[in-house]
N, C-alpha and C. Protein backbone atom coordinates (compact mmCIF):
# COMPACT_ATOMS: atom_id res chain seq x y z
N MET A 1 33.96 79.27 84.09
CA MET A 1 33.96 80.63 84.53
C MET A 1 32.59 81.23 84.40
N VAL A 2 32.14 81.93 85.51
CA VAL A 2 30.88 82.57 85.48
C VAL A 2 30.89 83.88 84.71
N ARG A 3 30.02 84.02 83.79
CA ARG A 3 29.94 85.29 82.94
C ARG A 3 28.56 85.95 83.14
N TYR A 4 28.62 87.22 83.37
CA TYR A 4 27.38 87.96 83.58
C TYR A 4 27.18 88.89 82.37
N LEU A 5 25.89 89.29 82.17
CA LEU A 5 25.53 90.17 81.10
C LEU A 5 24.31 90.94 81.58
N ILE A 6 24.31 92.27 81.29
CA ILE A 6 23.14 93.03 81.53
C ILE A 6 22.59 93.53 80.19
N ASP A 7 21.37 93.25 79.85
CA ASP A 7 20.83 93.61 78.59
C ASP A 7 19.39 93.97 78.59
N ILE A 8 18.84 94.53 77.50
CA ILE A 8 17.46 94.73 77.27
C ILE A 8 17.01 93.51 76.47
N ARG A 9 16.18 92.73 77.00
CA ARG A 9 15.64 91.56 76.33
C ARG A 9 14.49 92.02 75.40
N GLN A 10 14.72 92.05 74.18
CA GLN A 10 13.73 92.57 73.24
C GLN A 10 12.51 91.59 73.18
N MET A 11 11.33 92.14 73.25
CA MET A 11 10.13 91.36 73.29
C MET A 11 9.11 91.91 72.30
N GLY A 12 8.02 91.16 72.19
CA GLY A 12 6.89 91.65 71.39
C GLY A 12 7.25 91.84 69.92
N SER A 13 6.69 92.88 69.29
CA SER A 13 6.85 93.03 67.84
C SER A 13 8.24 93.40 67.47
N VAL A 14 8.99 94.17 68.32
CA VAL A 14 10.35 94.51 67.98
C VAL A 14 11.24 93.24 67.92
N LYS A 15 11.00 92.31 68.83
CA LYS A 15 11.70 91.03 68.81
C LYS A 15 11.42 90.28 67.48
N HIS A 16 10.12 90.29 67.12
CA HIS A 16 9.70 89.61 65.93
C HIS A 16 10.43 90.16 64.69
N GLN A 17 10.49 91.49 64.68
CA GLN A 17 11.11 92.18 63.51
C GLN A 17 12.58 91.89 63.45
N ILE A 18 13.30 92.00 64.60
CA ILE A 18 14.75 91.70 64.59
C ILE A 18 15.02 90.22 64.24
N SER A 19 14.22 89.33 64.81
CA SER A 19 14.37 87.86 64.52
C SER A 19 14.11 87.61 63.04
N THR A 20 13.18 88.28 62.45
CA THR A 20 12.92 88.05 60.99
C THR A 20 14.12 88.48 60.16
N LEU A 21 14.73 89.63 60.49
CA LEU A 21 15.91 90.08 59.75
C LEU A 21 17.08 89.06 59.96
N SER A 22 17.21 88.61 61.18
CA SER A 22 18.33 87.69 61.48
C SER A 22 18.09 86.34 60.70
N ASN A 23 16.83 85.90 60.69
CA ASN A 23 16.54 84.63 60.06
C ASN A 23 16.71 84.75 58.51
N GLN A 24 16.43 85.91 57.98
CA GLN A 24 16.63 86.15 56.57
C GLN A 24 18.11 86.01 56.19
N LEU A 25 18.94 86.59 57.01
CA LEU A 25 20.37 86.46 56.77
C LEU A 25 20.85 85.00 56.95
N SER A 26 20.30 84.33 57.96
CA SER A 26 20.65 83.01 58.22
C SER A 26 20.31 82.09 57.06
N GLY A 27 19.13 82.25 56.47
CA GLY A 27 18.73 81.43 55.34
C GLY A 27 19.50 81.68 54.08
N LYS A 28 19.76 82.92 53.80
CA LYS A 28 20.41 83.34 52.60
C LYS A 28 21.89 83.01 52.57
N PHE A 29 22.57 83.13 53.75
CA PHE A 29 23.98 82.99 53.82
C PHE A 29 24.38 81.75 54.64
N ASN A 30 23.41 80.95 55.05
CA ASN A 30 23.74 79.71 55.77
C ASN A 30 24.60 80.00 57.00
N ILE A 31 24.14 80.79 57.90
CA ILE A 31 24.91 81.21 59.10
C ILE A 31 24.12 81.04 60.35
N ARG A 32 23.37 79.90 60.43
CA ARG A 32 22.45 79.66 61.55
C ARG A 32 23.14 79.70 62.89
N ASP A 33 24.40 79.24 62.94
CA ASP A 33 25.14 79.18 64.20
C ASP A 33 25.77 80.47 64.58
N LYS A 34 25.64 81.51 63.67
CA LYS A 34 26.23 82.80 63.93
C LYS A 34 25.20 83.89 64.31
N CYS A 35 23.92 83.47 64.38
CA CYS A 35 22.83 84.41 64.72
C CYS A 35 22.63 84.42 66.23
N VAL A 36 21.93 85.43 66.73
CA VAL A 36 21.78 85.55 68.21
C VAL A 36 20.35 85.91 68.52
N ILE A 37 20.01 85.69 69.82
CA ILE A 37 18.70 86.06 70.35
C ILE A 37 18.60 87.60 70.41
N PRO A 38 17.52 88.18 69.94
CA PRO A 38 17.46 89.67 69.93
C PRO A 38 17.59 90.29 71.27
N HIS A 39 18.54 91.16 71.46
CA HIS A 39 18.79 91.88 72.71
C HIS A 39 19.65 93.05 72.49
N ILE A 40 19.67 93.97 73.47
CA ILE A 40 20.57 95.15 73.42
C ILE A 40 21.51 95.07 74.65
N THR A 41 22.76 94.88 74.41
CA THR A 41 23.71 94.72 75.53
C THR A 41 23.92 96.08 76.18
N LEU A 42 23.85 96.12 77.48
CA LEU A 42 24.14 97.32 78.25
C LEU A 42 25.49 97.23 78.98
N ALA A 43 25.88 95.99 79.34
CA ALA A 43 27.16 95.76 80.00
C ALA A 43 27.52 94.30 79.88
N GLY A 44 28.77 94.03 79.51
CA GLY A 44 29.23 92.66 79.48
C GLY A 44 29.50 92.09 78.15
N PRO A 45 29.90 90.77 78.14
CA PRO A 45 30.00 89.94 79.29
C PRO A 45 31.15 90.32 80.29
N PHE A 46 30.94 90.04 81.55
CA PHE A 46 31.98 90.33 82.58
C PHE A 46 31.90 89.32 83.72
N SER A 47 32.91 89.32 84.54
CA SER A 47 32.90 88.43 85.68
C SER A 47 33.02 89.26 86.96
N THR A 48 32.64 88.64 88.08
CA THR A 48 32.74 89.32 89.40
C THR A 48 32.59 88.24 90.46
N PRO A 49 33.36 88.36 91.60
CA PRO A 49 33.11 87.48 92.71
C PRO A 49 32.02 87.95 93.62
N TYR A 50 31.40 89.10 93.28
CA TYR A 50 30.44 89.73 94.22
C TYR A 50 29.08 89.76 93.61
N GLU A 51 28.49 88.62 93.38
CA GLU A 51 27.14 88.56 92.77
C GLU A 51 26.13 89.25 93.67
N GLU A 52 26.17 89.01 94.91
CA GLU A 52 25.14 89.65 95.82
C GLU A 52 25.19 91.17 95.71
N LYS A 53 26.35 91.80 95.65
CA LYS A 53 26.42 93.22 95.54
C LYS A 53 25.98 93.62 94.13
N LEU A 54 26.29 92.84 93.15
CA LEU A 54 25.82 93.15 91.76
C LEU A 54 24.33 93.22 91.70
N VAL A 55 23.67 92.20 92.25
CA VAL A 55 22.19 92.17 92.27
C VAL A 55 21.62 93.33 93.05
N GLU A 56 22.24 93.64 94.12
CA GLU A 56 21.83 94.78 95.00
C GLU A 56 21.96 96.09 94.23
N ASP A 57 23.05 96.35 93.59
CA ASP A 57 23.21 97.61 92.84
C ASP A 57 22.34 97.65 91.57
N PHE A 58 22.19 96.54 90.94
CA PHE A 58 21.34 96.44 89.77
C PHE A 58 19.85 96.79 90.18
N THR A 59 19.43 96.22 91.28
CA THR A 59 18.08 96.44 91.73
C THR A 59 17.84 97.86 92.13
N ARG A 60 18.83 98.46 92.81
CA ARG A 60 18.72 99.86 93.26
C ARG A 60 18.64 100.82 92.12
N ILE A 61 19.58 100.69 91.13
CA ILE A 61 19.57 101.56 90.01
C ILE A 61 18.29 101.48 89.17
N CYS A 62 17.82 100.31 88.96
CA CYS A 62 16.61 100.12 88.20
C CYS A 62 15.42 100.74 88.91
N SER A 63 15.32 100.49 90.22
CA SER A 63 14.24 101.00 91.06
C SER A 63 14.21 102.52 91.14
N ASP A 64 15.37 103.09 91.09
CA ASP A 64 15.51 104.55 91.23
C ASP A 64 15.22 105.29 89.89
N GLN A 65 14.99 104.48 88.83
CA GLN A 65 14.82 105.12 87.55
C GLN A 65 13.39 105.65 87.47
N GLU A 66 13.22 106.99 87.33
CA GLU A 66 11.90 107.57 87.37
C GLU A 66 11.23 107.49 85.98
N LYS A 67 11.97 107.76 84.91
CA LYS A 67 11.39 107.75 83.61
C LYS A 67 11.72 106.39 82.91
N ILE A 68 10.78 105.98 82.09
CA ILE A 68 10.95 104.74 81.29
C ILE A 68 11.84 105.04 80.08
N PRO A 69 13.01 104.44 79.93
CA PRO A 69 13.87 104.71 78.81
C PRO A 69 13.21 104.31 77.46
N LYS A 70 13.58 105.03 76.41
CA LYS A 70 13.03 104.74 75.11
C LYS A 70 14.16 104.61 74.06
N TYR A 71 13.90 103.98 72.95
CA TYR A 71 14.80 103.94 71.91
C TYR A 71 14.11 103.75 70.59
N GLU A 72 14.77 104.02 69.51
CA GLU A 72 14.28 103.76 68.14
C GLU A 72 15.25 102.72 67.50
N VAL A 73 14.70 101.92 66.65
CA VAL A 73 15.49 100.96 65.85
C VAL A 73 15.76 101.56 64.51
N GLY A 74 17.04 101.62 64.08
CA GLY A 74 17.39 102.33 62.85
C GLY A 74 17.85 101.40 61.79
N GLY A 75 18.92 101.78 61.09
CA GLY A 75 19.39 101.05 59.94
C GLY A 75 20.47 99.99 60.27
N TYR A 76 20.98 99.32 59.26
CA TYR A 76 22.04 98.34 59.49
C TYR A 76 23.36 99.01 59.77
N GLY A 77 24.18 98.25 60.50
CA GLY A 77 25.53 98.72 60.79
C GLY A 77 26.49 97.56 60.93
N PHE A 78 27.78 97.86 60.99
CA PHE A 78 28.80 96.78 60.99
C PHE A 78 29.97 97.14 61.88
N PHE A 79 30.50 96.16 62.58
CA PHE A 79 31.79 96.29 63.25
C PHE A 79 32.79 95.53 62.45
N ASP A 80 33.59 96.25 61.70
CA ASP A 80 34.52 95.60 60.77
C ASP A 80 35.61 94.78 61.50
N ASN A 81 36.03 95.23 62.65
CA ASN A 81 37.14 94.53 63.32
C ASN A 81 36.76 93.15 63.87
N THR A 82 35.45 93.05 64.25
CA THR A 82 34.95 91.77 64.77
C THR A 82 33.96 91.08 63.86
N ARG A 83 33.69 91.65 62.67
CA ARG A 83 32.80 91.14 61.66
C ARG A 83 31.41 90.80 62.26
N VAL A 84 30.80 91.82 62.80
CA VAL A 84 29.49 91.75 63.33
C VAL A 84 28.55 92.59 62.49
N VAL A 85 27.33 92.03 62.25
CA VAL A 85 26.26 92.77 61.54
C VAL A 85 25.15 93.07 62.59
N TYR A 86 24.73 94.36 62.63
CA TYR A 86 23.75 94.72 63.59
C TYR A 86 22.73 95.69 63.05
N VAL A 87 21.69 95.89 63.86
CA VAL A 87 20.74 96.99 63.61
C VAL A 87 21.04 98.08 64.66
N SER A 88 21.18 99.30 64.18
CA SER A 88 21.51 100.36 65.10
C SER A 88 20.35 100.69 66.07
N ILE A 89 20.69 101.02 67.25
CA ILE A 89 19.68 101.44 68.26
C ILE A 89 19.97 102.88 68.62
N ILE A 90 18.96 103.67 68.52
CA ILE A 90 19.06 105.10 68.80
C ILE A 90 18.37 105.38 70.17
N PRO A 91 19.11 105.50 71.22
CA PRO A 91 18.57 105.68 72.57
C PRO A 91 18.21 107.14 72.81
N ASP A 92 17.21 107.28 73.74
CA ASP A 92 16.95 108.63 74.23
C ASP A 92 17.94 108.93 75.36
N ASN A 93 17.94 110.14 75.80
CA ASN A 93 18.96 110.47 76.87
C ASN A 93 18.72 109.70 78.17
N THR A 94 17.50 109.32 78.49
CA THR A 94 17.26 108.53 79.66
C THR A 94 17.91 107.18 79.61
N LEU A 95 17.89 106.52 78.47
CA LEU A 95 18.54 105.28 78.30
C LEU A 95 20.05 105.38 78.35
N ARG A 96 20.58 106.44 77.69
CA ARG A 96 21.99 106.66 77.74
C ARG A 96 22.49 106.79 79.18
N GLN A 97 21.79 107.65 79.94
CA GLN A 97 22.24 107.84 81.29
C GLN A 97 22.07 106.66 82.19
N PHE A 98 20.96 105.91 81.97
CA PHE A 98 20.72 104.70 82.71
C PHE A 98 21.84 103.69 82.49
N ARG A 99 22.26 103.47 81.30
CA ARG A 99 23.38 102.51 80.98
C ARG A 99 24.64 103.01 81.63
N TYR A 100 24.91 104.30 81.51
CA TYR A 100 26.16 104.84 82.06
C TYR A 100 26.20 104.70 83.61
N GLU A 101 25.08 104.95 84.24
CA GLU A 101 25.00 104.80 85.70
C GLU A 101 25.26 103.33 86.17
N LEU A 102 24.68 102.42 85.42
CA LEU A 102 24.98 101.02 85.68
C LEU A 102 26.43 100.69 85.55
N SER A 103 27.02 101.09 84.47
CA SER A 103 28.46 100.77 84.21
C SER A 103 29.33 101.49 85.27
N ARG A 104 29.09 102.75 85.61
CA ARG A 104 29.88 103.50 86.56
C ARG A 104 29.75 102.84 87.96
N THR A 105 28.64 102.31 88.30
CA THR A 105 28.43 101.76 89.65
C THR A 105 29.07 100.41 89.83
N ILE A 106 29.03 99.53 88.83
CA ILE A 106 29.53 98.18 88.99
C ILE A 106 31.00 98.03 88.54
N SER A 107 31.55 99.03 87.93
CA SER A 107 32.93 98.93 87.41
C SER A 107 34.01 98.66 88.46
N PRO A 108 33.84 99.17 89.75
CA PRO A 108 34.88 98.93 90.70
C PRO A 108 35.09 97.44 91.08
N TYR A 109 34.07 96.60 90.86
CA TYR A 109 34.21 95.21 91.29
C TYR A 109 33.78 94.26 90.19
N CYS A 110 33.58 94.69 88.99
CA CYS A 110 33.25 93.86 87.85
C CYS A 110 34.29 94.02 86.73
N SER A 111 34.62 93.02 85.99
CA SER A 111 35.69 93.09 84.95
C SER A 111 35.07 93.56 83.66
N LEU A 112 34.61 94.84 83.66
CA LEU A 112 34.05 95.38 82.48
C LEU A 112 35.08 95.65 81.37
N ARG A 113 34.64 95.49 80.14
CA ARG A 113 35.55 95.80 79.04
C ARG A 113 35.60 97.28 78.71
N ASP A 114 36.54 97.65 77.89
CA ASP A 114 36.71 99.08 77.62
C ASP A 114 35.46 99.74 77.05
N TYR A 115 34.76 99.00 76.18
CA TYR A 115 33.56 99.64 75.62
C TYR A 115 32.42 99.83 76.59
N ASP A 116 32.45 99.03 77.63
CA ASP A 116 31.44 99.23 78.73
C ASP A 116 31.73 100.52 79.49
N LEU A 117 32.90 100.97 79.45
CA LEU A 117 33.32 102.18 80.21
C LEU A 117 33.21 103.44 79.43
N GLU A 118 32.64 103.38 78.27
CA GLU A 118 32.47 104.55 77.34
C GLU A 118 31.53 105.54 78.09
N SER A 119 31.61 106.77 77.68
CA SER A 119 30.72 107.85 78.26
C SER A 119 29.29 107.54 77.84
N ALA A 120 28.36 108.32 78.42
CA ALA A 120 26.96 108.20 78.07
C ALA A 120 26.72 108.44 76.62
N GLU A 121 27.48 109.41 76.07
CA GLU A 121 27.27 109.75 74.66
C GLU A 121 28.04 108.86 73.73
N GLY A 122 29.19 108.27 74.23
CA GLY A 122 30.07 107.52 73.31
C GLY A 122 29.68 106.06 73.15
N PHE A 123 28.84 105.50 73.99
CA PHE A 123 28.56 104.09 73.90
C PHE A 123 27.72 103.78 72.64
N MET A 124 28.04 102.67 71.96
CA MET A 124 27.37 102.32 70.72
C MET A 124 26.30 101.29 71.04
N PHE A 125 25.00 101.79 71.04
CA PHE A 125 23.93 100.83 71.26
C PHE A 125 23.61 100.11 69.90
N HIS A 126 23.35 98.77 70.02
CA HIS A 126 23.06 98.04 68.80
C HIS A 126 22.38 96.76 69.19
N SER A 127 21.70 96.14 68.24
CA SER A 127 21.10 94.81 68.38
C SER A 127 21.70 93.92 67.33
N THR A 128 22.49 92.91 67.77
CA THR A 128 23.24 92.11 66.83
C THR A 128 22.35 91.19 66.02
N LEU A 129 22.59 91.13 64.72
CA LEU A 129 21.91 90.15 63.83
C LEU A 129 22.74 88.93 63.58
N ALA A 130 24.03 89.08 63.40
CA ALA A 130 24.95 87.94 63.17
C ALA A 130 26.36 88.39 63.61
N MET A 131 27.14 87.39 64.07
CA MET A 131 28.48 87.71 64.59
C MET A 131 29.48 86.61 64.29
N LYS A 132 30.74 86.89 64.50
CA LYS A 132 31.81 85.84 64.29
C LYS A 132 31.73 85.28 62.86
N LEU A 133 31.51 86.16 61.92
CA LEU A 133 31.41 85.78 60.51
C LEU A 133 32.82 85.68 59.87
N ASP A 134 32.91 84.80 58.90
CA ASP A 134 34.21 84.76 58.14
C ASP A 134 34.19 86.00 57.22
N TRP A 135 35.40 86.37 56.73
CA TRP A 135 35.56 87.62 56.04
C TRP A 135 34.70 87.65 54.79
N LEU A 136 34.63 86.58 53.97
CA LEU A 136 33.89 86.64 52.74
C LEU A 136 32.39 86.76 52.98
N THR A 137 31.84 86.01 53.97
CA THR A 137 30.43 86.13 54.23
C THR A 137 30.08 87.54 54.77
N PHE A 138 30.94 88.04 55.57
CA PHE A 138 30.76 89.42 56.13
C PHE A 138 30.60 90.41 54.97
N GLN A 139 31.53 90.34 54.00
CA GLN A 139 31.51 91.25 52.85
C GLN A 139 30.26 91.05 52.03
N ARG A 140 29.86 89.79 51.82
CA ARG A 140 28.63 89.52 51.06
C ARG A 140 27.43 90.09 51.72
N ILE A 141 27.29 89.99 53.05
CA ILE A 141 26.21 90.53 53.79
C ILE A 141 26.17 92.06 53.72
N LYS A 142 27.35 92.66 53.80
CA LYS A 142 27.43 94.11 53.72
C LYS A 142 26.90 94.62 52.39
N TRP A 143 27.29 93.89 51.28
CA TRP A 143 26.78 94.28 50.03
C TRP A 143 25.28 94.03 49.85
N TYR A 144 24.81 92.92 50.46
CA TYR A 144 23.37 92.50 50.36
C TYR A 144 22.48 93.58 51.00
N VAL A 145 22.86 94.10 52.21
CA VAL A 145 22.02 94.99 52.95
C VAL A 145 22.18 96.47 52.50
N LYS A 146 23.16 96.68 51.63
CA LYS A 146 23.46 98.03 51.25
C LYS A 146 22.25 98.81 50.70
N GLY A 147 21.41 98.17 49.95
CA GLY A 147 20.25 98.75 49.33
C GLY A 147 18.97 98.56 50.12
N LYS A 148 19.08 97.93 51.27
CA LYS A 148 17.87 97.65 52.10
C LYS A 148 17.45 98.97 52.80
N GLU A 149 16.11 99.09 53.01
CA GLU A 149 15.60 100.23 53.78
C GLU A 149 15.92 100.10 55.25
N ASN A 150 16.11 101.21 55.91
CA ASN A 150 16.25 101.20 57.37
C ASN A 150 15.02 100.55 58.03
N VAL A 151 15.31 99.93 59.18
CA VAL A 151 14.24 99.24 59.87
C VAL A 151 13.25 100.22 60.44
N MET A 152 13.70 101.26 61.14
CA MET A 152 12.89 102.32 61.72
C MET A 152 11.77 101.77 62.56
N TYR A 153 11.96 101.81 63.85
CA TYR A 153 10.90 101.31 64.75
C TYR A 153 11.10 101.99 66.07
N ARG A 154 10.01 102.41 66.68
CA ARG A 154 10.05 103.02 68.02
C ARG A 154 9.49 102.01 69.07
N HIS A 155 10.16 101.88 70.15
CA HIS A 155 9.79 100.88 71.14
C HIS A 155 10.24 101.33 72.52
N HIS A 156 9.48 100.93 73.54
CA HIS A 156 9.89 101.13 74.93
C HIS A 156 10.60 99.90 75.46
N PRO A 157 11.79 100.06 76.00
CA PRO A 157 12.34 98.89 76.73
C PRO A 157 11.46 98.51 77.88
N ILE A 158 10.95 97.32 77.88
CA ILE A 158 10.02 96.89 78.90
C ILE A 158 10.78 96.38 80.11
N ARG A 159 11.84 95.58 79.82
CA ARG A 159 12.62 94.96 80.89
C ARG A 159 14.13 95.05 80.68
N VAL A 160 14.91 95.15 81.75
CA VAL A 160 16.34 95.09 81.70
C VAL A 160 16.72 93.81 82.55
N THR A 161 17.61 93.02 81.97
CA THR A 161 17.88 91.67 82.50
C THR A 161 19.31 91.51 82.95
N LEU A 162 19.49 90.93 84.13
CA LEU A 162 20.82 90.46 84.56
C LEU A 162 20.88 88.93 84.33
N LEU A 163 21.90 88.54 83.61
CA LEU A 163 22.03 87.12 83.32
C LEU A 163 23.33 86.56 83.86
N ARG A 164 23.34 85.36 84.25
CA ARG A 164 24.53 84.57 84.66
C ARG A 164 24.65 83.36 83.75
N ASN A 165 25.71 83.30 83.00
CA ASN A 165 25.93 82.21 81.96
C ASN A 165 24.64 81.99 81.14
N SER A 166 24.11 83.06 80.63
CA SER A 166 22.95 83.11 79.70
C SER A 166 21.60 82.75 80.40
N LYS A 167 21.56 82.61 81.69
CA LYS A 167 20.37 82.30 82.45
C LYS A 167 19.96 83.51 83.27
N ILE A 168 18.63 83.88 83.24
CA ILE A 168 18.17 85.04 83.98
C ILE A 168 18.34 84.89 85.46
N VAL A 169 19.07 85.90 86.08
CA VAL A 169 19.15 86.00 87.49
C VAL A 169 17.97 86.75 88.04
N CYS A 170 17.72 87.96 87.48
CA CYS A 170 16.55 88.74 87.78
C CYS A 170 16.32 89.72 86.63
N GLU A 171 15.18 90.31 86.63
CA GLU A 171 14.82 91.21 85.52
C GLU A 171 13.86 92.27 86.00
N TYR A 172 14.28 93.53 85.65
CA TYR A 172 13.45 94.63 86.12
C TYR A 172 12.43 95.04 85.06
N ASP A 173 11.18 95.15 85.49
CA ASP A 173 10.10 95.45 84.58
C ASP A 173 9.74 96.97 84.76
N PHE A 174 10.05 97.77 83.71
CA PHE A 174 9.77 99.21 83.82
C PHE A 174 8.33 99.52 83.84
N ILE A 175 7.53 98.68 83.18
CA ILE A 175 6.13 98.91 83.06
C ILE A 175 5.47 98.73 84.44
N GLN A 176 5.79 97.57 85.02
CA GLN A 176 5.16 97.31 86.35
C GLN A 176 5.97 97.86 87.52
N LYS A 177 7.16 98.39 87.23
CA LYS A 177 7.97 99.00 88.28
C LYS A 177 8.35 98.07 89.37
N ARG A 178 8.83 96.93 89.02
CA ARG A 178 9.24 95.92 90.04
C ARG A 178 10.22 94.97 89.48
N MET A 179 11.04 94.34 90.38
CA MET A 179 12.02 93.40 90.03
C MET A 179 11.31 92.01 89.98
N LEU A 180 11.70 91.25 88.98
CA LEU A 180 11.13 89.91 88.74
C LEU A 180 12.17 88.86 88.95
N SER A 181 11.77 87.76 89.53
CA SER A 181 12.59 86.59 89.60
C SER A 181 12.67 85.90 88.22
N ARG A 182 13.52 84.91 88.06
CA ARG A 182 13.59 84.23 86.81
C ARG A 182 12.24 83.61 86.41
N LYS A 183 11.59 83.02 87.38
CA LYS A 183 10.25 82.40 87.15
C LYS A 183 9.25 83.43 86.73
N GLN A 184 9.21 84.57 87.38
CA GLN A 184 8.30 85.65 87.06
C GLN A 184 8.64 86.22 85.71
N ALA A 185 9.91 86.33 85.38
CA ALA A 185 10.32 86.96 84.10
C ALA A 185 9.86 86.09 82.94
N MET A 186 9.79 84.77 83.16
CA MET A 186 9.45 83.87 82.04
C MET A 186 7.89 83.61 82.02
N SER A 187 7.20 84.16 82.93
CA SER A 187 5.79 83.90 83.11
C SER A 187 4.95 84.56 82.05
N LYS A 188 4.04 83.86 81.47
CA LYS A 188 3.07 84.42 80.48
C LYS A 188 2.14 85.42 81.19
N ALA A 189 1.76 85.13 82.42
CA ALA A 189 0.88 86.02 83.15
C ALA A 189 1.54 87.40 83.35
N THR A 190 2.83 87.39 83.68
CA THR A 190 3.54 88.69 83.85
C THR A 190 3.58 89.43 82.54
N ARG A 191 3.84 88.74 81.47
CA ARG A 191 3.86 89.47 80.14
C ARG A 191 2.52 90.02 79.79
N MET A 192 1.47 89.32 80.12
CA MET A 192 0.14 89.81 79.81
C MET A 192 -0.25 91.01 80.65
N ARG A 193 0.27 91.10 81.91
CA ARG A 193 0.00 92.30 82.70
C ARG A 193 0.72 93.51 82.03
N ASP A 194 1.94 93.31 81.50
CA ASP A 194 2.60 94.37 80.73
C ASP A 194 1.75 94.78 79.59
N TYR A 195 1.27 93.81 78.84
CA TYR A 195 0.42 94.11 77.65
C TYR A 195 -0.83 94.94 78.00
N ASP A 196 -1.43 94.59 79.11
CA ASP A 196 -2.63 95.30 79.49
C ASP A 196 -2.34 96.73 79.79
N ILE A 197 -1.17 97.01 80.38
CA ILE A 197 -0.76 98.39 80.62
C ILE A 197 -0.35 99.10 79.33
N LEU A 198 0.29 98.39 78.44
CA LEU A 198 0.80 98.99 77.17
C LEU A 198 -0.49 99.37 76.30
N LYS A 199 -1.53 98.63 76.40
CA LYS A 199 -2.70 98.91 75.58
C LYS A 199 -3.29 100.25 75.81
N VAL A 200 -3.07 100.84 76.97
CA VAL A 200 -3.64 102.14 77.23
C VAL A 200 -2.65 103.24 76.80
N TRP A 201 -1.46 102.92 76.41
CA TRP A 201 -0.53 103.93 75.93
C TRP A 201 -0.86 104.23 74.45
N ALA A 202 -0.47 105.38 74.03
CA ALA A 202 -0.73 105.82 72.69
C ALA A 202 -0.13 104.88 71.66
N ASP A 203 1.07 104.31 71.90
CA ASP A 203 1.74 103.48 70.95
C ASP A 203 1.70 102.02 71.42
N GLY A 204 0.74 101.58 72.19
CA GLY A 204 0.70 100.22 72.68
C GLY A 204 -0.06 99.24 71.83
N SER A 205 -0.86 99.67 70.92
CA SER A 205 -1.77 98.79 70.15
C SER A 205 -0.99 97.84 69.24
N TRP A 206 0.18 98.29 68.76
CA TRP A 206 0.95 97.49 67.77
C TRP A 206 1.45 96.18 68.41
N GLU A 207 1.42 96.03 69.77
CA GLU A 207 1.98 94.83 70.33
C GLU A 207 1.05 93.59 70.20
N SER A 208 -0.21 93.80 69.88
CA SER A 208 -1.18 92.74 70.00
C SER A 208 -0.85 91.50 69.20
N GLU A 209 -0.32 91.72 67.99
CA GLU A 209 -0.10 90.62 67.05
C GLU A 209 1.19 89.74 67.46
N TYR A 210 2.15 90.43 67.99
CA TYR A 210 3.44 89.77 68.20
C TYR A 210 3.90 89.73 69.65
N TRP A 211 2.96 89.73 70.62
CA TRP A 211 3.33 89.70 71.99
C TRP A 211 3.88 88.27 72.38
N ARG A 212 5.22 88.23 72.29
CA ARG A 212 5.87 86.94 72.58
C ARG A 212 7.03 87.21 73.51
N PRO A 213 7.54 86.17 74.25
CA PRO A 213 8.63 86.38 75.20
C PRO A 213 9.91 86.64 74.44
């Protein structure tokens, strides 16, 4: 079965920080197979027989976005019913509305889940650190992070990605204001063009050490 996902692929220093936290949990609690690649899910997983229309709508909504969405990385959080450990994501209103518009547009022909259909204000943004944990490990991790400081990080989403079975179909680059093919999205040259633009921003200098895909 073909499964699609729309997410923010975390890159640079924020990816490094989230990966470090996930790796710490992996090493301490031996949960390597339960950790995930740093990302923020905007919709999915879902299925649809209309991939061409999905790509068309995804491209249009991204291209029509005038402001670059922003978010902050906050403290630890938990989904008790699914035993997921995550870092909370605090979106600005631009990101909230962008996600809602995506969901509202593709919902008539995509098998979105109930949480994808939440309102702009009700959707829970998060970056998963570990998932599908057994009950005991989940409780131990909750106790372990109880005294940890919040992550607290401000970052601009650079790209929003449409994936098919975990493979990039296309990816919109908010910095360069263009849609990228899979090859372009994975290109080091494309990343470096983003970095050159970020360097002139007031908060761009922190990317230099950890600019990684």
